[in-house]
Amino acid sequence: MLEVLDETAGDVVALRITGKHIHGESHKLAGMIDARIATYGHARCFIEITETDGVELSALKEDLQFELEHGDQIRRCAVVGEHSWERWLVRILSLYFRSADIQFFPENDRGRALEWLGEE
């Protein structure tokens, strides 16, 4: 499930992902980022992953397709998570977001992730 967080403002899309990340949610996330890109020419993302059951393959495919098309318009992306597989997923995604600065933060560093997102 995707939950829009209060930190969503201006060019920042802030979301919490819980449960299993599914295809329809990827579409919603892409739409939110597209809206920021249309308004600001770029977007920044804060994604908090908690209590996850993994990622549906069709959702991962949609995420990768979006990143290939818009990766150069995303400046920074902070991902907060609790599992080592999430850290690895962020490393893989950073290969597609060549111009974006993507960082993984452990869940106890949520505040630092938000600070980092605002630095530029």
N, C-alpha and C. Protein backbone atom coordinates (compact mmCIF):
# COMPACT_ATOMS: atom_id res chain seq x y z
N MET A 1 0.83 -1.17 0.00
CA MET A 1 0.00 0.00 0.00
C MET A 1 0.88 1.25 0.00
N LEU A 2 0.49 2.25 -0.74
CA LEU A 2 1.20 3.53 -0.76
C LEU A 2 0.45 4.52 0.11
N GLU A 3 1.19 5.20 0.96
CA GLU A 3 0.62 6.25 1.79
C GLU A 3 1.41 7.53 1.51
N VAL A 4 0.72 8.59 1.14
CA VAL A 4 1.36 9.87 0.89
C VAL A 4 1.66 10.50 2.25
N LEU A 5 2.90 10.91 2.46
CA LEU A 5 3.33 11.47 3.73
C LEU A 5 3.23 12.99 3.74
N ASP A 6 3.19 13.55 4.93
CA ASP A 6 3.09 15.01 5.10
C ASP A 6 4.26 15.76 4.49
N GLU A 7 5.39 15.11 4.33
CA GLU A 7 6.57 15.76 3.76
C GLU A 7 6.43 16.03 2.27
N THR A 8 5.35 15.56 1.64
CA THR A 8 5.10 15.84 0.24
C THR A 8 4.75 17.32 0.09
N ALA A 9 5.64 18.03 -0.60
CA ALA A 9 5.45 19.47 -0.80
C ALA A 9 6.41 19.94 -1.88
N GLY A 10 6.00 20.92 -2.64
CA GLY A 10 6.88 21.45 -3.69
C GLY A 10 7.31 20.35 -4.64
N ASP A 11 8.60 20.21 -4.85
CA ASP A 11 9.11 19.21 -5.79
C ASP A 11 9.34 17.84 -5.14
N VAL A 12 8.95 17.67 -3.87
CA VAL A 12 9.18 16.43 -3.14
C VAL A 12 7.93 15.56 -3.11
N VAL A 13 8.11 14.30 -3.48
CA VAL A 13 7.08 13.28 -3.32
C VAL A 13 7.55 12.38 -2.19
N ALA A 14 6.78 12.31 -1.11
CA ALA A 14 7.15 11.51 0.06
C ALA A 14 6.09 10.44 0.27
N LEU A 15 6.53 9.19 0.28
CA LEU A 15 5.61 8.07 0.39
C LEU A 15 6.10 7.03 1.38
N ARG A 16 5.16 6.29 1.93
CA ARG A 16 5.47 5.12 2.73
C ARG A 16 4.88 3.92 2.00
N ILE A 17 5.70 2.90 1.82
CA ILE A 17 5.25 1.67 1.18
C ILE A 17 5.19 0.60 2.26
N THR A 18 4.01 -0.01 2.41
CA THR A 18 3.84 -1.12 3.35
C THR A 18 3.23 -2.29 2.60
N GLY A 19 3.39 -3.48 3.13
CA GLY A 19 2.85 -4.66 2.47
C GLY A 19 3.62 -4.97 1.21
N LYS A 20 2.94 -5.47 0.21
CA LYS A 20 3.58 -5.81 -1.06
C LYS A 20 3.37 -4.67 -2.05
N HIS A 21 4.47 -4.23 -2.66
CA HIS A 21 4.42 -3.16 -3.66
C HIS A 21 3.86 -3.76 -4.95
N ILE A 22 2.68 -3.27 -5.38
CA ILE A 22 1.99 -3.87 -6.52
C ILE A 22 1.91 -2.90 -7.69
N HIS A 23 1.55 -3.44 -8.85
CA HIS A 23 1.54 -2.71 -10.12
C HIS A 23 0.76 -1.40 -10.07
N GLY A 24 -0.44 -1.39 -9.57
CA GLY A 24 -1.26 -0.19 -9.54
C GLY A 24 -0.62 0.93 -8.73
N GLU A 25 0.11 0.57 -7.70
CA GLU A 25 0.78 1.57 -6.88
C GLU A 25 1.93 2.21 -7.64
N SER A 26 2.62 1.44 -8.46
CA SER A 26 3.70 2.00 -9.27
C SER A 26 3.15 3.06 -10.20
N HIS A 27 1.97 2.81 -10.74
CA HIS A 27 1.33 3.78 -11.63
C HIS A 27 1.00 5.07 -10.87
N LYS A 28 0.50 4.94 -9.64
CA LYS A 28 0.18 6.11 -8.82
C LYS A 28 1.44 6.91 -8.50
N LEU A 29 2.52 6.22 -8.13
CA LEU A 29 3.79 6.87 -7.83
C LEU A 29 4.32 7.62 -9.05
N ALA A 30 4.27 6.97 -10.20
CA ALA A 30 4.75 7.60 -11.44
C ALA A 30 3.94 8.87 -11.74
N GLY A 31 2.64 8.83 -11.52
CA GLY A 31 1.80 9.99 -11.76
C GLY A 31 2.15 11.16 -10.85
N MET A 32 2.43 10.86 -9.59
CA MET A 32 2.81 11.91 -8.65
C MET A 32 4.14 12.55 -9.04
N ILE A 33 5.09 11.72 -9.45
CA ILE A 33 6.40 12.24 -9.86
C ILE A 33 6.26 13.03 -11.16
N ASP A 34 5.48 12.51 -12.11
CA ASP A 34 5.24 13.23 -13.37
C ASP A 34 4.68 14.63 -13.12
N ALA A 35 3.77 14.76 -12.15
CA ALA A 35 3.18 16.06 -11.84
C ALA A 35 4.24 17.03 -11.34
N ARG A 36 5.17 16.55 -10.51
CA ARG A 36 6.25 17.42 -10.02
C ARG A 36 7.18 17.83 -11.16
N ILE A 37 7.49 16.88 -12.03
CA ILE A 37 8.37 17.17 -13.17
C ILE A 37 7.72 18.21 -14.08
N ALA A 38 6.41 18.08 -14.31
CA ALA A 38 5.70 19.04 -15.17
C ALA A 38 5.72 20.44 -14.56
N THR A 39 5.65 20.53 -13.24
CA THR A 39 5.62 21.83 -12.56
C THR A 39 7.01 22.42 -12.34
N TYR A 40 7.96 21.60 -11.90
CA TYR A 40 9.27 22.09 -11.48
C TYR A 40 10.41 21.74 -12.44
N GLY A 41 10.14 20.85 -13.39
CA GLY A 41 11.20 20.40 -14.30
C GLY A 41 12.03 19.28 -13.71
N HIS A 42 11.76 18.92 -12.46
CA HIS A 42 12.46 17.84 -11.78
C HIS A 42 11.62 17.41 -10.57
N ALA A 43 12.07 16.36 -9.90
CA ALA A 43 11.41 15.90 -8.68
C ALA A 43 12.46 15.35 -7.73
N ARG A 44 12.11 15.34 -6.46
CA ARG A 44 12.90 14.66 -5.43
C ARG A 44 11.95 13.69 -4.73
N CYS A 45 12.47 12.55 -4.29
CA CYS A 45 11.64 11.51 -3.71
C CYS A 45 12.13 11.10 -2.33
N PHE A 46 11.18 10.86 -1.45
CA PHE A 46 11.46 10.26 -0.15
C PHE A 46 10.56 9.04 -0.07
N ILE A 47 11.16 7.87 0.07
CA ILE A 47 10.38 6.63 0.12
C ILE A 47 10.76 5.87 1.37
N GLU A 48 9.76 5.65 2.20
CA GLU A 48 9.95 4.90 3.44
C GLU A 48 9.31 3.53 3.26
N ILE A 49 10.11 2.50 3.42
CA ILE A 49 9.62 1.13 3.22
C ILE A 49 9.53 0.47 4.59
N THR A 50 8.31 0.06 4.99
CA THR A 50 8.13 -0.59 6.28
C THR A 50 7.21 -1.79 6.13
N GLU A 51 7.49 -2.80 6.90
CA GLU A 51 6.65 -3.99 6.94
C GLU A 51 6.29 -4.49 5.55
N THR A 52 7.30 -4.67 4.70
CA THR A 52 7.06 -5.06 3.33
C THR A 52 7.07 -6.57 3.16
N ASP A 53 6.33 -6.99 2.14
CA ASP A 53 6.29 -8.39 1.75
C ASP A 53 6.95 -8.59 0.39
N GLY A 54 7.68 -7.59 -0.08
CA GLY A 54 8.36 -7.70 -1.37
C GLY A 54 7.73 -6.83 -2.44
N VAL A 55 8.12 -7.11 -3.67
CA VAL A 55 7.69 -6.32 -4.83
C VAL A 55 7.13 -7.26 -5.89
N GLU A 56 5.96 -6.93 -6.42
CA GLU A 56 5.37 -7.67 -7.52
C GLU A 56 6.22 -7.40 -8.77
N LEU A 57 6.51 -8.43 -9.55
CA LEU A 57 7.37 -8.27 -10.72
C LEU A 57 6.83 -7.24 -11.71
N SER A 58 5.53 -7.19 -11.91
CA SER A 58 4.97 -6.21 -12.83
C SER A 58 5.17 -4.79 -12.30
N ALA A 59 5.16 -4.61 -10.98
CA ALA A 59 5.42 -3.30 -10.39
C ALA A 59 6.88 -2.91 -10.60
N LEU A 60 7.77 -3.86 -10.40
CA LEU A 60 9.20 -3.59 -10.61
C LEU A 60 9.47 -3.23 -12.07
N LYS A 61 8.82 -3.93 -12.98
CA LYS A 61 8.98 -3.63 -14.41
C LYS A 61 8.50 -2.21 -14.72
N GLU A 62 7.35 -1.83 -14.18
CA GLU A 62 6.83 -0.48 -14.41
C GLU A 62 7.75 0.57 -13.79
N ASP A 63 8.28 0.30 -12.60
CA ASP A 63 9.21 1.22 -11.96
C ASP A 63 10.45 1.43 -12.83
N LEU A 64 11.01 0.34 -13.33
CA LEU A 64 12.21 0.43 -14.16
C LEU A 64 11.93 1.18 -15.46
N GLN A 65 10.79 0.94 -16.07
CA GLN A 65 10.43 1.64 -17.31
C GLN A 65 10.32 3.14 -17.05
N PHE A 66 9.69 3.51 -15.95
CA PHE A 66 9.56 4.92 -15.59
C PHE A 66 10.94 5.54 -15.39
N GLU A 67 11.80 4.83 -14.69
CA GLU A 67 13.14 5.33 -14.42
C GLU A 67 13.94 5.52 -15.69
N LEU A 68 13.79 4.62 -16.63
CA LEU A 68 14.49 4.77 -17.90
C LEU A 68 14.03 6.01 -18.65
N GLU A 69 12.75 6.33 -18.55
CA GLU A 69 12.18 7.48 -19.26
C GLU A 69 12.41 8.80 -18.54
N HIS A 70 12.43 8.79 -17.21
CA HIS A 70 12.45 10.03 -16.44
C HIS A 70 13.59 10.14 -15.43
N GLY A 71 14.49 9.19 -15.43
CA GLY A 71 15.56 9.17 -14.44
C GLY A 71 16.40 10.43 -14.42
N ASP A 72 16.55 11.09 -15.56
CA ASP A 72 17.36 12.31 -15.59
C ASP A 72 16.63 13.52 -15.02
N GLN A 73 15.36 13.36 -14.68
CA GLN A 73 14.58 14.47 -14.12
C GLN A 73 14.36 14.31 -12.62
N ILE A 74 14.94 13.28 -12.06
CA ILE A 74 14.85 13.08 -10.61
C ILE A 74 16.21 13.44 -10.02
N ARG A 75 16.22 14.45 -9.16
CA ARG A 75 17.49 14.94 -8.61
C ARG A 75 18.01 14.07 -7.48
N ARG A 76 17.17 13.81 -6.51
CA ARG A 76 17.57 13.01 -5.35
C ARG A 76 16.44 12.10 -4.93
N CYS A 77 16.82 10.97 -4.38
CA CYS A 77 15.84 10.04 -3.85
C CYS A 77 16.42 9.40 -2.59
N ALA A 78 15.75 9.63 -1.47
CA ALA A 78 16.14 9.02 -0.20
C ALA A 78 15.21 7.85 0.06
N VAL A 79 15.77 6.68 0.29
CA VAL A 79 14.99 5.48 0.57
C VAL A 79 15.34 5.02 1.98
N VAL A 80 14.32 4.91 2.82
CA VAL A 80 14.50 4.46 4.19
C VAL A 80 13.91 3.07 4.31
N GLY A 81 14.70 2.13 4.81
CA GLY A 81 14.21 0.76 4.93
C GLY A 81 14.85 0.02 6.07
N GLU A 82 14.45 -1.24 6.20
CA GLU A 82 14.93 -2.04 7.32
C GLU A 82 15.61 -3.34 6.90
N HIS A 83 15.56 -3.69 5.61
CA HIS A 83 16.09 -4.98 5.17
C HIS A 83 17.26 -4.81 4.22
N SER A 84 18.16 -5.77 4.23
CA SER A 84 19.32 -5.71 3.34
C SER A 84 18.91 -5.81 1.87
N TRP A 85 17.82 -6.52 1.56
CA TRP A 85 17.40 -6.62 0.16
C TRP A 85 16.94 -5.27 -0.38
N GLU A 86 16.42 -4.41 0.50
CA GLU A 86 16.00 -3.08 0.07
C GLU A 86 17.23 -2.24 -0.28
N ARG A 87 18.29 -2.39 0.50
CA ARG A 87 19.55 -1.69 0.19
C ARG A 87 20.07 -2.13 -1.18
N TRP A 88 20.01 -3.43 -1.46
CA TRP A 88 20.47 -3.94 -2.76
C TRP A 88 19.59 -3.44 -3.90
N LEU A 89 18.29 -3.38 -3.67
CA LEU A 89 17.38 -2.88 -4.70
C LEU A 89 17.70 -1.42 -5.03
N VAL A 90 18.02 -0.63 -4.01
CA VAL A 90 18.39 0.77 -4.23
C VAL A 90 19.67 0.85 -5.06
N ARG A 91 20.62 -0.01 -4.78
CA ARG A 91 21.87 -0.02 -5.56
C ARG A 91 21.59 -0.34 -7.03
N ILE A 92 20.71 -1.31 -7.26
CA ILE A 92 20.36 -1.67 -8.65
C ILE A 92 19.64 -0.51 -9.33
N LEU A 93 18.69 0.09 -8.65
CA LEU A 93 17.94 1.20 -9.23
C LEU A 93 18.85 2.39 -9.54
N SER A 94 19.88 2.59 -8.74
CA SER A 94 20.79 3.71 -8.98
C SER A 94 21.53 3.56 -10.31
N LEU A 95 21.62 2.36 -10.83
CA LEU A 95 22.22 2.15 -12.14
C LEU A 95 21.36 2.75 -13.25
N TYR A 96 20.05 2.77 -13.04
CA TYR A 96 19.12 3.32 -14.03
C TYR A 96 18.94 4.83 -13.86
N PHE A 97 19.03 5.31 -12.62
CA PHE A 97 18.93 6.74 -12.34
C PHE A 97 20.32 7.34 -12.41
N ARG A 98 20.89 7.42 -13.56
CA ARG A 98 22.29 7.82 -13.69
C ARG A 98 22.54 9.24 -13.23
N SER A 99 21.60 10.15 -13.44
CA SER A 99 21.84 11.53 -13.04
C SER A 99 21.27 11.85 -11.66
N ALA A 100 20.53 10.91 -11.08
CA ALA A 100 19.95 11.13 -9.75
C ALA A 100 20.90 10.65 -8.67
N ASP A 101 20.85 11.31 -7.56
CA ASP A 101 21.61 10.90 -6.38
C ASP A 101 20.65 10.11 -5.50
N ILE A 102 20.89 8.82 -5.36
CA ILE A 102 20.01 7.95 -4.59
C ILE A 102 20.78 7.40 -3.40
N GLN A 103 20.19 7.52 -2.23
CA GLN A 103 20.83 7.03 -1.01
C GLN A 103 19.85 6.18 -0.22
N PHE A 104 20.38 5.11 0.36
CA PHE A 104 19.60 4.26 1.26
C PHE A 104 19.97 4.64 2.70
N PHE A 105 18.96 4.72 3.56
CA PHE A 105 19.16 5.03 4.97
C PHE A 105 18.44 3.97 5.80
N PRO A 106 19.07 3.47 6.86
CA PRO A 106 18.37 2.56 7.76
C PRO A 106 17.21 3.28 8.43
N GLU A 107 16.21 2.54 8.85
CA GLU A 107 14.99 3.14 9.39
C GLU A 107 15.24 4.06 10.58
N ASN A 108 16.29 3.84 11.34
CA ASN A 108 16.56 4.71 12.48
C ASN A 108 17.22 6.02 12.05
N ASP A 109 17.51 6.20 10.76
CA ASP A 109 18.09 7.44 10.23
C ASP A 109 17.09 8.21 9.36
N ARG A 110 15.82 8.08 9.64
CA ARG A 110 14.78 8.76 8.86
C ARG A 110 15.00 10.27 8.83
N GLY A 111 15.29 10.86 9.97
CA GLY A 111 15.52 12.30 10.05
C GLY A 111 16.70 12.73 9.19
N ARG A 112 17.77 11.97 9.24
CA ARG A 112 18.94 12.27 8.42
C ARG A 112 18.61 12.15 6.94
N ALA A 113 17.78 11.19 6.57
CA ALA A 113 17.37 11.03 5.17
C ALA A 113 16.63 12.26 4.67
N LEU A 114 15.74 12.79 5.49
CA LEU A 114 15.00 14.01 5.11
C LEU A 114 15.93 15.22 5.01
N GLU A 115 16.89 15.32 5.93
CA GLU A 115 17.87 16.40 5.86
C GLU A 115 18.67 16.31 4.56
N TRP A 116 19.15 15.11 4.26
CA TRP A 116 19.96 14.89 3.06
C TRP A 116 19.16 15.25 1.80
N LEU A 117 17.89 14.88 1.79
CA LEU A 117 17.04 15.16 0.63
C LEU A 117 16.96 16.65 0.35
N GLY A 118 16.94 17.46 1.41
CA GLY A 118 16.84 18.90 1.26
C GLY A 118 18.14 19.61 0.93
N GLU A 119 19.26 18.91 1.08
CA GLU A 119 20.57 19.51 0.78
C GLU A 119 20.79 19.56 -0.73
N GLU A 120 21.23 20.68 -1.23
CA GLU A 120 21.62 20.77 -2.64
C GLU A 120 22.44 21.98 -2.86
